[in-house]
Amino acid sequence: MRISYNKLWKMLIDKNMNKHDLAEKSGVSSASVAKLSKGANITTDVLLKICEAMDCTLDDIMETVRD
């Protein structure tokens, strides 16, 4: 299994935001956003900052998918 952040990318599109906007609004580094776009491991602190900035929960930005 792996984590997919497709829900996050769809949310950004719906809110007319890009990855740079996400990094600015949430206070996370562009390197962390790059890791997210590659599906790499990321700390829960970063995920929680994104959720707080986007006013959502973890379920709204990520999901597990079978390989």
Protein backbone atom coordinates (compact mmCIF):
# COMPACT_ATOMS: atom_id res chain seq x y z
CA MET A 1 0.00 0.00 0.00
CA ARG A 2 1.00 3.61 -0.47
CA ILE A 3 -0.33 7.08 0.31
CA SER A 4 -1.88 9.14 -2.47
CA TYR A 5 -2.24 12.92 -2.23
CA ASN A 6 -4.51 13.21 -5.29
CA LYS A 7 -7.27 14.58 -3.07
CA LEU A 8 -4.98 17.46 -2.10
CA TRP A 9 -4.17 18.30 -5.72
CA LYS A 10 -7.87 18.22 -6.62
CA MET A 11 -8.61 20.53 -3.69
CA LEU A 12 -5.98 22.99 -4.90
CA ILE A 13 -7.56 23.00 -8.36
CA ASP A 14 -11.01 23.59 -6.86
CA LYS A 15 -9.67 26.52 -4.83
CA ASN A 16 -7.74 27.89 -7.82
CA MET A 17 -4.41 27.49 -6.01
CA ASN A 18 -1.05 26.13 -7.08
CA LYS A 19 1.70 24.37 -5.10
CA HIS A 20 3.50 27.64 -4.41
CA ASP A 21 0.29 29.09 -2.94
CA LEU A 22 -0.06 26.00 -0.76
CA ALA A 23 3.49 26.36 0.58
CA GLU A 24 2.94 30.05 1.36
CA LYS A 25 -0.46 29.63 2.99
CA SER A 26 0.51 26.63 5.10
CA GLY A 27 4.03 27.71 6.00
CA VAL A 28 5.62 24.48 4.76
CA SER A 29 8.74 24.45 2.61
CA SER A 30 8.70 24.04 -1.14
CA ALA A 31 10.82 20.92 -0.58
CA SER A 32 7.99 19.39 1.48
CA VAL A 33 5.47 20.20 -1.24
CA ALA A 34 7.82 18.61 -3.78
CA LYS A 35 7.96 15.46 -1.63
CA LEU A 36 4.17 15.38 -1.56
CA SER A 37 3.98 15.63 -5.34
CA LYS A 38 6.35 12.65 -5.63
CA GLY A 39 4.39 10.63 -3.08
CA ALA A 40 7.41 10.52 -0.78
CA ASN A 41 7.25 10.20 2.99
CA ILE A 42 6.37 13.39 4.82
CA THR A 43 5.97 14.17 8.51
CA THR A 44 2.57 14.41 10.12
CA ASP A 45 3.48 17.93 11.27
CA VAL A 46 3.59 19.06 7.64
CA LEU A 47 0.29 17.34 6.89
CA LEU A 48 -1.35 18.98 9.90
CA LYS A 49 -0.07 22.43 8.86
CA ILE A 50 -1.63 21.90 5.44
CA CYS A 51 -4.91 20.75 6.98
CA GLU A 52 -5.01 23.78 9.25
CA ALA A 53 -4.30 26.17 6.39
CA MET A 54 -6.83 24.54 4.08
CA ASP A 55 -9.43 24.07 6.85
CA CYS A 56 -9.76 20.34 6.27
CA THR A 57 -8.87 16.95 7.76
CA LEU A 58 -6.30 14.36 6.74
CA ASP A 59 -9.06 12.36 5.04
CA ASP A 60 -9.68 15.34 2.76
CA ILE A 61 -6.11 15.47 1.42
CA MET A 62 -4.85 11.89 1.38
CA GLU A 63 -5.88 8.27 1.01
CA THR A 64 -4.28 4.86 0.99
CA VAL A 65 -4.21 2.93 -2.26
CA ARG A 66 -3.11 -0.59 -3.08
CA ASP A 67 -0.12 -0.96 -5.36
